[in-house]
């Protein structure tokens, strides 16, 4: 089974991840992480309130929100993701920009991220300066390859603003039970 993290979900990848740490929480949540998690849960509230969100999507969002609220405790063994994406195109040549904001959880960990992908090339430093890629694996410290925390939080606070002028705007929410637990 494929996980939402783009790799095959064959359970924990090493003994440290497979072993439950009886002396501490599965995840360590720092103050900045709490702000990000609150924004991620609020993004789920926005998806739940949208017209057109299906029952299946609502179920996925609620399950992932419930799991996020359990942190730093052990969330249920689920694979879930929700978020939204947008594409802008110029009228002259059809070139554009794809952006996405997502929240995901699996037995492999938590991932809160955004995508900034213009049709034209972009150097890595510029790309990272416009994206968030936050992740935390069980029993490991959180990591991020950028500094886009505040921007991500602000952007997901009002996703409707990204609809204006977009060629495409969509919401996604998916969920499945995992046969593996952390």
N, C-alpha and C. Protein backbone atom coordinates (compact mmCIF):
# COMPACT_ATOMS: atom_id res chain seq x y z
N UNK A 1 0.85 -1.17 0.00
CA UNK A 1 0.00 0.00 0.00
C UNK A 1 0.90 1.23 0.00
N UNK A 2 0.54 2.24 -0.79
CA UNK A 2 1.31 3.47 -0.87
C UNK A 2 0.81 4.44 0.19
N UNK A 3 1.73 5.11 0.81
CA UNK A 3 1.36 6.13 1.78
C UNK A 3 1.23 7.46 1.06
N UNK A 4 0.67 8.43 1.74
CA UNK A 4 0.56 9.76 1.17
C UNK A 4 1.91 10.45 1.11
N UNK A 5 2.94 9.85 1.73
CA UNK A 5 4.27 10.43 1.72
C UNK A 5 5.04 9.99 0.47
N UNK A 6 4.38 9.26 -0.44
CA UNK A 6 5.00 8.91 -1.70
C UNK A 6 5.90 7.70 -1.66
N UNK A 7 5.84 6.92 -0.64
CA UNK A 7 6.64 5.70 -0.60
C UNK A 7 5.76 4.56 -0.11
N UNK A 8 6.21 3.37 -0.34
CA UNK A 8 5.45 2.21 0.06
C UNK A 8 5.39 2.15 1.58
N UNK A 9 4.19 1.91 2.12
CA UNK A 9 4.00 1.86 3.56
C UNK A 9 4.17 0.42 4.03
N UNK A 10 5.39 0.05 4.35
CA UNK A 10 5.68 -1.27 4.86
C UNK A 10 5.94 -1.24 6.35
N UNK A 11 5.36 -0.28 7.03
CA UNK A 11 5.52 -0.19 8.47
C UNK A 11 6.76 0.59 8.84
N UNK A 12 7.11 0.54 10.10
CA UNK A 12 8.27 1.30 10.59
C UNK A 12 9.54 0.93 9.83
N UNK A 13 10.40 1.93 9.63
CA UNK A 13 11.59 1.73 8.82
C UNK A 13 12.79 1.25 9.61
N UNK A 14 12.78 1.38 10.93
CA UNK A 14 13.91 0.90 11.70
C UNK A 14 13.47 0.56 13.12
N UNK A 15 14.38 -0.04 13.88
CA UNK A 15 14.04 -0.49 15.23
C UNK A 15 13.64 0.66 16.14
N UNK A 16 14.28 1.83 15.99
CA UNK A 16 13.91 2.97 16.83
C UNK A 16 12.47 3.40 16.59
N UNK A 17 12.06 3.40 15.34
CA UNK A 17 10.69 3.79 15.02
C UNK A 17 9.71 2.70 15.43
N UNK A 18 10.10 1.45 15.29
CA UNK A 18 9.20 0.34 15.60
C UNK A 18 8.96 0.19 17.10
N UNK A 19 9.93 0.58 17.91
CA UNK A 19 9.85 0.39 19.35
C UNK A 19 9.12 1.57 19.99
N UNK A 20 8.08 1.27 20.72
CA UNK A 20 7.38 2.33 21.45
C UNK A 20 8.23 2.71 22.65
N UNK A 21 8.44 3.99 22.84
CA UNK A 21 9.24 4.49 23.94
C UNK A 21 8.34 4.66 25.16
N UNK A 22 8.47 3.75 26.10
CA UNK A 22 7.60 3.74 27.26
C UNK A 22 7.88 4.90 28.21
N UNK A 23 9.01 5.58 28.05
CA UNK A 23 9.37 6.65 28.99
C UNK A 23 8.99 8.04 28.51
N UNK A 24 8.50 8.16 27.30
CA UNK A 24 8.17 9.49 26.80
C UNK A 24 7.14 9.44 25.71
N UNK A 25 6.69 10.62 25.30
CA UNK A 25 5.67 10.67 24.24
C UNK A 25 6.24 10.25 22.89
N UNK A 26 5.36 9.85 22.01
CA UNK A 26 5.75 9.45 20.67
C UNK A 26 6.29 10.65 19.89
N UNK A 27 5.69 11.83 20.13
CA UNK A 27 6.11 13.05 19.46
C UNK A 27 6.46 14.11 20.50
N UNK A 28 7.42 14.94 20.17
CA UNK A 28 7.77 16.09 21.00
C UNK A 28 7.24 17.33 20.30
N UNK A 29 6.33 18.02 20.95
CA UNK A 29 5.70 19.19 20.34
C UNK A 29 6.26 20.45 20.98
N UNK A 30 6.99 21.24 20.20
CA UNK A 30 7.55 22.52 20.65
C UNK A 30 6.49 23.61 20.49
N UNK A 31 6.67 24.78 21.10
CA UNK A 31 5.69 25.86 20.95
C UNK A 31 5.39 26.23 19.49
N UNK A 32 6.41 26.33 18.64
CA UNK A 32 6.15 26.63 17.22
C UNK A 32 5.38 25.50 16.55
N UNK A 33 5.67 24.26 16.95
CA UNK A 33 4.93 23.12 16.41
C UNK A 33 3.46 23.21 16.79
N UNK A 34 3.17 23.64 18.03
CA UNK A 34 1.79 23.79 18.48
C UNK A 34 1.05 24.80 17.61
N UNK A 35 1.68 25.91 17.31
CA UNK A 35 1.06 26.92 16.43
C UNK A 35 0.74 26.33 15.07
N UNK A 36 1.67 25.56 14.54
CA UNK A 36 1.48 24.94 13.24
C UNK A 36 0.35 23.91 13.29
N UNK A 37 0.31 23.11 14.35
CA UNK A 37 -0.75 22.11 14.50
C UNK A 37 -2.12 22.77 14.65
N UNK A 38 -2.19 23.87 15.40
CA UNK A 38 -3.47 24.58 15.52
C UNK A 38 -3.93 25.10 14.16
N UNK A 39 -3.00 25.63 13.38
CA UNK A 39 -3.35 26.11 12.04
C UNK A 39 -3.78 24.95 11.14
N UNK A 40 -3.13 23.81 11.28
CA UNK A 40 -3.49 22.62 10.50
C UNK A 40 -4.90 22.15 10.85
N UNK A 41 -5.23 22.16 12.13
CA UNK A 41 -6.58 21.77 12.56
C UNK A 41 -7.61 22.79 12.05
N UNK A 42 -7.27 24.07 12.10
CA UNK A 42 -8.17 25.12 11.60
C UNK A 42 -8.38 24.98 10.09
N UNK A 43 -7.35 24.58 9.36
CA UNK A 43 -7.51 24.32 7.92
C UNK A 43 -8.54 23.22 7.73
N UNK A 44 -8.50 22.19 8.56
CA UNK A 44 -9.50 21.14 8.49
C UNK A 44 -10.90 21.68 8.74
N UNK A 45 -11.04 22.60 9.71
CA UNK A 45 -12.35 23.22 9.97
C UNK A 45 -12.86 23.95 8.72
N UNK A 46 -11.96 24.64 8.02
CA UNK A 46 -12.34 25.34 6.79
C UNK A 46 -12.85 24.34 5.75
N UNK A 47 -12.16 23.22 5.59
CA UNK A 47 -12.59 22.20 4.63
C UNK A 47 -13.96 21.65 5.03
N UNK A 48 -14.16 21.39 6.32
CA UNK A 48 -15.45 20.87 6.79
C UNK A 48 -16.60 21.83 6.50
N UNK A 49 -16.34 23.12 6.55
CA UNK A 49 -17.39 24.13 6.37
C UNK A 49 -17.70 24.43 4.89
N UNK A 50 -16.87 23.96 3.98
CA UNK A 50 -17.06 24.26 2.56
C UNK A 50 -18.24 23.50 1.97
N UNK A 51 -19.02 24.19 1.14
CA UNK A 51 -20.03 23.50 0.34
C UNK A 51 -19.30 22.57 -0.61
N UNK A 52 -19.85 21.41 -0.82
CA UNK A 52 -19.25 20.48 -1.77
C UNK A 52 -18.27 19.49 -1.14
N UNK A 53 -17.93 19.67 0.13
CA UNK A 53 -17.08 18.68 0.79
C UNK A 53 -17.92 17.44 1.01
N UNK A 54 -17.46 16.31 0.51
CA UNK A 54 -18.23 15.07 0.60
C UNK A 54 -18.20 14.48 2.02
N UNK A 55 -19.11 13.56 2.28
CA UNK A 55 -19.10 12.89 3.59
C UNK A 55 -17.80 12.15 3.81
N UNK A 56 -17.30 11.53 2.77
CA UNK A 56 -16.04 10.79 2.88
C UNK A 56 -14.88 11.74 3.21
N UNK A 57 -14.85 12.89 2.56
CA UNK A 57 -13.81 13.89 2.85
C UNK A 57 -13.96 14.41 4.28
N UNK A 58 -15.19 14.68 4.70
CA UNK A 58 -15.42 15.16 6.06
C UNK A 58 -14.95 14.13 7.08
N UNK A 59 -15.22 12.86 6.82
CA UNK A 59 -14.76 11.81 7.73
C UNK A 59 -13.24 11.79 7.81
N UNK A 60 -12.58 11.93 6.65
CA UNK A 60 -11.11 11.94 6.62
C UNK A 60 -10.56 13.11 7.43
N UNK A 61 -11.15 14.29 7.23
CA UNK A 61 -10.69 15.48 7.95
C UNK A 61 -10.88 15.31 9.44
N UNK A 62 -12.06 14.87 9.86
CA UNK A 62 -12.34 14.72 11.29
C UNK A 62 -11.40 13.70 11.94
N UNK A 63 -11.13 12.60 11.26
CA UNK A 63 -10.23 11.59 11.82
C UNK A 63 -8.81 12.13 11.97
N UNK A 64 -8.35 12.85 10.96
CA UNK A 64 -7.00 13.41 11.04
C UNK A 64 -6.95 14.51 12.11
N UNK A 65 -7.97 15.35 12.18
CA UNK A 65 -8.00 16.38 13.23
C UNK A 65 -7.97 15.73 14.61
N UNK A 66 -8.78 14.69 14.82
CA UNK A 66 -8.78 13.99 16.11
C UNK A 66 -7.40 13.45 16.45
N UNK A 67 -6.73 12.88 15.45
CA UNK A 67 -5.38 12.34 15.68
C UNK A 67 -4.40 13.46 16.03
N UNK A 68 -4.50 14.59 15.35
CA UNK A 68 -3.61 15.72 15.64
C UNK A 68 -3.85 16.26 17.05
N UNK A 69 -5.11 16.24 17.48
CA UNK A 69 -5.43 16.73 18.83
C UNK A 69 -4.88 15.81 19.92
N UNK A 70 -4.61 14.56 19.59
CA UNK A 70 -4.06 13.62 20.56
C UNK A 70 -2.57 13.82 20.81
N UNK A 71 -1.92 14.55 19.93
CA UNK A 71 -0.47 14.74 20.06
C UNK A 71 -0.16 15.55 21.31
N UNK A 72 0.91 15.27 22.01
CA UNK A 72 2.04 14.42 21.65
C UNK A 72 1.83 12.94 21.96
N UNK A 73 0.62 12.57 22.38
CA UNK A 73 0.33 11.16 22.61
C UNK A 73 0.35 10.37 21.32
N UNK A 74 0.01 9.13 21.42
CA UNK A 74 0.05 8.23 20.28
C UNK A 74 -1.24 8.34 19.46
N UNK A 75 -1.15 8.82 18.23
CA UNK A 75 -2.34 8.88 17.39
C UNK A 75 -2.72 7.48 16.91
N UNK A 76 -3.96 7.30 16.45
CA UNK A 76 -4.35 6.00 15.93
C UNK A 76 -3.55 5.66 14.67
N UNK A 77 -3.45 4.38 14.34
CA UNK A 77 -2.69 3.98 13.15
C UNK A 77 -3.47 4.26 11.87
N UNK A 78 -3.38 5.49 11.41
CA UNK A 78 -4.08 5.90 10.20
C UNK A 78 -3.11 6.46 9.18
N UNK A 79 -3.58 6.51 7.96
CA UNK A 79 -2.89 7.22 6.88
C UNK A 79 -3.93 8.22 6.39
N UNK A 80 -3.67 9.49 6.58
CA UNK A 80 -4.65 10.51 6.24
C UNK A 80 -3.95 11.78 5.78
N UNK A 81 -4.65 12.51 4.94
CA UNK A 81 -4.11 13.77 4.43
C UNK A 81 -5.27 14.66 4.02
N UNK A 82 -5.11 15.96 4.25
CA UNK A 82 -6.06 16.92 3.70
C UNK A 82 -5.35 18.21 3.37
N UNK A 83 -6.01 19.01 2.53
CA UNK A 83 -5.44 20.29 2.15
C UNK A 83 -6.14 20.86 0.94
N UNK A 84 -5.49 21.84 0.31
CA UNK A 84 -6.05 22.45 -0.89
C UNK A 84 -4.92 22.81 -1.84
N UNK A 85 -5.30 23.02 -3.09
CA UNK A 85 -4.31 23.38 -4.11
C UNK A 85 -4.94 24.37 -5.08
N UNK A 86 -4.07 25.10 -5.75
CA UNK A 86 -4.51 26.13 -6.68
C UNK A 86 -3.51 26.22 -7.84
N UNK A 87 -4.03 26.55 -9.00
CA UNK A 87 -3.17 26.78 -10.15
C UNK A 87 -3.58 28.10 -10.80
N UNK A 88 -2.58 28.91 -11.09
CA UNK A 88 -2.77 30.17 -11.80
C UNK A 88 -2.10 30.04 -13.16
N UNK A 89 -2.71 30.64 -14.19
CA UNK A 89 -2.12 30.63 -15.53
C UNK A 89 -2.22 32.03 -16.13
N UNK A 90 -1.21 32.38 -16.92
CA UNK A 90 -1.28 33.66 -17.62
C UNK A 90 -2.09 33.47 -18.89
N UNK A 91 -2.78 34.50 -19.29
CA UNK A 91 -3.63 34.44 -20.48
C UNK A 91 -2.80 34.34 -21.76
N UNK A 92 -1.60 34.89 -21.74
CA UNK A 92 -0.79 34.94 -22.96
C UNK A 92 -0.23 33.59 -23.38
N UNK A 93 0.39 32.88 -22.46
CA UNK A 93 1.06 31.65 -22.86
C UNK A 93 0.65 30.42 -22.05
N UNK A 94 -0.29 30.56 -21.14
CA UNK A 94 -0.75 29.41 -20.36
C UNK A 94 0.21 28.97 -19.28
N UNK A 95 1.36 29.64 -19.18
CA UNK A 95 2.29 29.30 -18.10
C UNK A 95 1.71 29.74 -16.79
N UNK A 96 2.11 29.06 -15.74
CA UNK A 96 1.52 29.43 -14.47
C UNK A 96 2.29 28.97 -13.26
N UNK A 97 1.53 28.85 -12.21
CA UNK A 97 2.08 28.52 -10.90
C UNK A 97 1.13 27.56 -10.21
N UNK A 98 1.67 26.47 -9.69
CA UNK A 98 0.89 25.52 -8.89
C UNK A 98 1.32 25.67 -7.44
N UNK A 99 0.33 25.75 -6.54
CA UNK A 99 0.61 25.82 -5.11
C UNK A 99 -0.30 24.84 -4.39
N UNK A 100 0.18 24.29 -3.30
CA UNK A 100 -0.62 23.37 -2.49
C UNK A 100 -0.22 23.51 -1.04
N UNK A 101 -1.19 23.25 -0.15
CA UNK A 101 -0.98 23.28 1.30
C UNK A 101 -1.59 21.99 1.83
N UNK A 102 -0.80 21.19 2.57
CA UNK A 102 -1.27 19.88 3.00
C UNK A 102 -0.86 19.57 4.43
N UNK A 103 -1.65 18.68 5.03
CA UNK A 103 -1.40 18.14 6.37
C UNK A 103 -1.54 16.63 6.22
N UNK A 104 -0.56 15.86 6.71
CA UNK A 104 -0.61 14.41 6.55
C UNK A 104 -0.11 13.72 7.82
N UNK A 105 -0.64 12.53 8.05
CA UNK A 105 -0.22 11.70 9.18
C UNK A 105 -0.26 10.25 8.75
N UNK A 106 0.77 9.51 9.12
CA UNK A 106 0.83 8.07 8.89
C UNK A 106 1.69 7.48 10.00
N UNK A 107 1.80 6.16 10.05
CA UNK A 107 2.71 5.58 11.05
C UNK A 107 4.15 6.05 10.90
N UNK A 108 4.51 6.58 9.72
CA UNK A 108 5.85 7.12 9.50
C UNK A 108 6.03 8.50 10.12
N UNK A 109 4.92 9.20 10.44
CA UNK A 109 5.05 10.50 11.07
C UNK A 109 4.05 11.53 10.59
N UNK A 110 4.30 12.75 11.01
CA UNK A 110 3.48 13.91 10.68
C UNK A 110 4.22 14.69 9.59
N UNK A 111 3.46 15.20 8.63
CA UNK A 111 4.06 16.09 7.64
C UNK A 111 3.08 17.22 7.37
N UNK A 112 3.56 18.44 7.49
CA UNK A 112 2.78 19.64 7.19
C UNK A 112 3.63 20.40 6.18
N UNK A 113 3.04 20.64 5.01
CA UNK A 113 3.88 21.18 3.96
C UNK A 113 3.09 22.02 2.97
N UNK A 114 3.84 22.72 2.15
CA UNK A 114 3.27 23.45 1.02
C UNK A 114 4.16 23.23 -0.19
N UNK A 115 3.59 23.48 -1.34
CA UNK A 115 4.30 23.32 -2.61
C UNK A 115 4.24 24.65 -3.35
N UNK A 116 5.34 25.06 -3.89
CA UNK A 116 5.42 26.25 -4.74
C UNK A 116 6.14 25.80 -6.00
N UNK A 117 5.39 25.68 -7.10
CA UNK A 117 5.96 25.11 -8.31
C UNK A 117 5.58 25.91 -9.55
N UNK A 118 6.39 26.89 -9.90
CA UNK A 118 6.11 27.63 -11.14
C UNK A 118 6.48 26.79 -12.36
N UNK A 119 5.79 27.02 -13.48
CA UNK A 119 6.11 26.29 -14.71
C UNK A 119 7.53 26.59 -15.17
N UNK A 120 7.98 27.82 -14.95
CA UNK A 120 9.34 28.18 -15.30
C UNK A 120 10.27 27.72 -14.19
N UNK A 121 11.51 27.46 -14.52
CA UNK A 121 12.48 27.00 -13.54
C UNK A 121 12.66 27.97 -12.39
N UNK A 122 13.04 27.42 -11.27
CA UNK A 122 13.27 28.21 -10.06
C UNK A 122 14.45 27.58 -9.33
N UNK A 123 15.31 28.40 -8.75
CA UNK A 123 16.43 27.81 -8.03
C UNK A 123 15.96 27.31 -6.66
N UNK A 124 16.69 26.38 -6.13
CA UNK A 124 16.30 25.68 -4.91
C UNK A 124 16.09 26.64 -3.74
N UNK A 125 16.98 27.59 -3.56
CA UNK A 125 16.87 28.53 -2.44
C UNK A 125 15.58 29.34 -2.52
N UNK A 126 15.21 29.77 -3.73
CA UNK A 126 13.98 30.53 -3.91
C UNK A 126 12.76 29.65 -3.63
N UNK A 127 12.81 28.41 -4.07
CA UNK A 127 11.72 27.46 -3.83
C UNK A 127 11.53 27.21 -2.34
N UNK A 128 12.61 26.92 -1.63
CA UNK A 128 12.54 26.64 -0.19
C UNK A 128 12.06 27.87 0.58
N UNK A 129 12.40 29.05 0.09
CA UNK A 129 11.97 30.28 0.76
C UNK A 129 10.47 30.50 0.63
N UNK A 130 9.79 29.74 -0.25
CA UNK A 130 8.35 29.91 -0.47
C UNK A 130 7.56 28.65 -0.11
N UNK A 131 8.18 27.71 0.57
CA UNK A 131 7.52 26.46 0.93
C UNK A 131 7.78 26.13 2.40
N UNK A 132 6.86 25.34 2.94
CA UNK A 132 7.08 24.73 4.24
C UNK A 132 7.17 23.24 4.03
N UNK A 133 8.15 22.62 4.63
CA UNK A 133 8.23 21.17 4.66
C UNK A 133 8.62 20.78 6.07
N UNK A 134 7.61 20.63 6.91
CA UNK A 134 7.78 20.28 8.31
C UNK A 134 7.44 18.80 8.46
N UNK A 135 8.27 18.10 9.18
CA UNK A 135 7.96 16.69 9.43
C UNK A 135 8.49 16.29 10.79
N UNK A 136 7.84 15.29 11.34
CA UNK A 136 8.32 14.70 12.57
C UNK A 136 8.03 13.21 12.53
N UNK A 137 9.06 12.43 12.75
CA UNK A 137 8.95 10.98 12.80
C UNK A 137 8.82 10.57 14.27
N UNK A 138 8.17 9.44 14.54
CA UNK A 138 8.05 9.01 15.94
C UNK A 138 9.41 8.91 16.62
N UNK A 139 9.45 9.42 17.85
CA UNK A 139 10.65 9.36 18.71
C UNK A 139 11.85 10.10 18.12
N UNK A 140 11.59 11.08 17.30
CA UNK A 140 12.66 11.88 16.71
C UNK A 140 12.28 13.34 16.78
N UNK A 141 13.24 14.23 16.78
CA UNK A 141 12.90 15.66 16.81
C UNK A 141 12.27 16.10 15.49
N UNK A 142 11.49 17.15 15.56
CA UNK A 142 10.87 17.72 14.36
C UNK A 142 11.94 18.36 13.49
N UNK A 143 11.67 18.40 12.19
CA UNK A 143 12.60 19.02 11.24
C UNK A 143 11.82 19.82 10.22
N UNK A 144 12.52 20.75 9.62
CA UNK A 144 11.95 21.55 8.55
C UNK A 144 13.09 21.99 7.65
N UNK A 145 12.83 22.02 6.34
CA UNK A 145 13.89 22.48 5.43
C UNK A 145 13.66 23.91 4.98
N UNK A 146 12.93 24.66 5.78
CA UNK A 146 12.69 26.05 5.44
C UNK A 146 12.26 26.85 6.66
N UNK A 147 11.91 28.08 6.43
CA UNK A 147 11.51 28.96 7.52
C UNK A 147 10.12 29.53 7.27
N UNK A 148 9.29 28.81 6.55
CA UNK A 148 8.02 29.30 6.08
C UNK A 148 6.88 29.06 7.08
N UNK A 149 7.17 28.90 8.37
CA UNK A 149 6.13 28.63 9.38
C UNK A 149 5.06 29.71 9.42
N UNK A 150 5.46 30.93 9.68
CA UNK A 150 4.49 32.02 9.83
C UNK A 150 3.69 32.25 8.56
N UNK A 151 4.35 32.15 7.41
CA UNK A 151 3.67 32.35 6.15
C UNK A 151 2.64 31.25 5.91
N UNK A 152 3.00 29.99 6.20
CA UNK A 152 2.07 28.87 6.03
C UNK A 152 0.84 29.08 6.92
N UNK A 153 1.08 29.42 8.16
CA UNK A 153 -0.03 29.65 9.10
C UNK A 153 -0.94 30.76 8.59
N UNK A 154 -0.35 31.85 8.11
CA UNK A 154 -1.14 32.97 7.61
C UNK A 154 -1.90 32.58 6.34
N UNK A 155 -1.27 31.85 5.44
CA UNK A 155 -1.92 31.48 4.18
C UNK A 155 -3.10 30.54 4.39
N UNK A 156 -2.97 29.57 5.30
CA UNK A 156 -4.09 28.63 5.51
C UNK A 156 -5.18 29.23 6.38
N UNK A 157 -4.95 30.42 6.93
CA UNK A 157 -5.98 31.06 7.74
C UNK A 157 -7.14 31.57 6.88
N UNK A 158 -6.91 31.75 5.57
CA UNK A 158 -7.96 32.23 4.67
C UNK A 158 -7.73 31.67 3.27
N UNK A 159 -7.95 30.37 3.07
CA UNK A 159 -7.70 29.77 1.75
C UNK A 159 -8.56 30.36 0.63
N UNK A 160 -9.74 30.89 0.96
CA UNK A 160 -10.63 31.43 -0.07
C UNK A 160 -9.96 32.50 -0.91
N UNK A 161 -9.04 33.24 -0.35
CA UNK A 161 -8.39 34.33 -1.10
C UNK A 161 -7.62 33.82 -2.30
N UNK A 162 -7.24 32.53 -2.30
CA UNK A 162 -6.47 31.98 -3.41
C UNK A 162 -7.34 31.60 -4.61
N UNK A 163 -8.67 31.60 -4.42
CA UNK A 163 -9.58 31.27 -5.52
C UNK A 163 -9.60 32.34 -6.60
N UNK A 164 -9.54 33.60 -6.19
CA UNK A 164 -9.65 34.69 -7.15
C UNK A 164 -8.52 34.62 -8.18
N UNK A 165 -8.90 34.62 -9.44
CA UNK A 165 -7.93 34.60 -10.52
C UNK A 165 -7.31 33.25 -10.80
N UNK A 166 -7.76 32.21 -10.12
CA UNK A 166 -7.15 30.90 -10.32
C UNK A 166 -7.79 30.18 -11.50
N UNK A 167 -7.00 29.37 -12.18
CA UNK A 167 -7.50 28.53 -13.26
C UNK A 167 -8.06 27.23 -12.69
N UNK A 168 -7.61 26.86 -11.49
CA UNK A 168 -8.06 25.64 -10.83
C UNK A 168 -7.93 25.84 -9.33
N UNK A 169 -8.91 25.39 -8.58
CA UNK A 169 -8.85 25.42 -7.13
C UNK A 169 -9.52 24.14 -6.65
N UNK A 170 -8.88 23.43 -5.75
CA UNK A 170 -9.46 22.18 -5.27
C UNK A 170 -9.10 21.87 -3.84
N UNK A 171 -9.94 21.06 -3.24
CA UNK A 171 -9.75 20.59 -1.88
C UNK A 171 -9.60 19.08 -1.94
N UNK A 172 -8.74 18.52 -1.11
CA UNK A 172 -8.61 17.07 -1.05
C UNK A 172 -8.59 16.62 0.40
N UNK A 173 -9.11 15.42 0.63
CA UNK A 173 -9.05 14.80 1.94
C UNK A 173 -9.18 13.30 1.73
N UNK A 174 -8.22 12.55 2.25
CA UNK A 174 -8.20 11.10 2.10
C UNK A 174 -7.82 10.46 3.42
N UNK A 175 -8.32 9.24 3.60
CA UNK A 175 -8.10 8.53 4.86
C UNK A 175 -8.14 7.03 4.62
N UNK A 176 -7.32 6.30 5.36
CA UNK A 176 -7.43 4.85 5.45
C UNK A 176 -6.80 4.40 6.75
N UNK A 177 -7.28 3.29 7.25
CA UNK A 177 -6.66 2.69 8.42
C UNK A 177 -5.36 2.03 7.98
N UNK A 178 -4.36 2.12 8.80
CA UNK A 178 -3.09 1.47 8.50
C UNK A 178 -3.06 0.13 9.20
N UNK A 179 -2.45 -0.83 8.56
CA UNK A 179 -2.30 -2.12 9.20
C UNK A 179 -1.10 -2.12 10.16
N UNK A 180 -0.40 -1.01 10.23
CA UNK A 180 0.76 -0.88 11.10
C UNK A 180 0.50 0.18 12.14
N UNK A 181 1.01 0.00 13.30
CA UNK A 181 0.94 1.06 14.31
C UNK A 181 2.33 1.50 14.64
N UNK A 182 2.43 2.68 15.20
CA UNK A 182 3.74 3.25 15.52
C UNK A 182 4.38 2.53 16.67
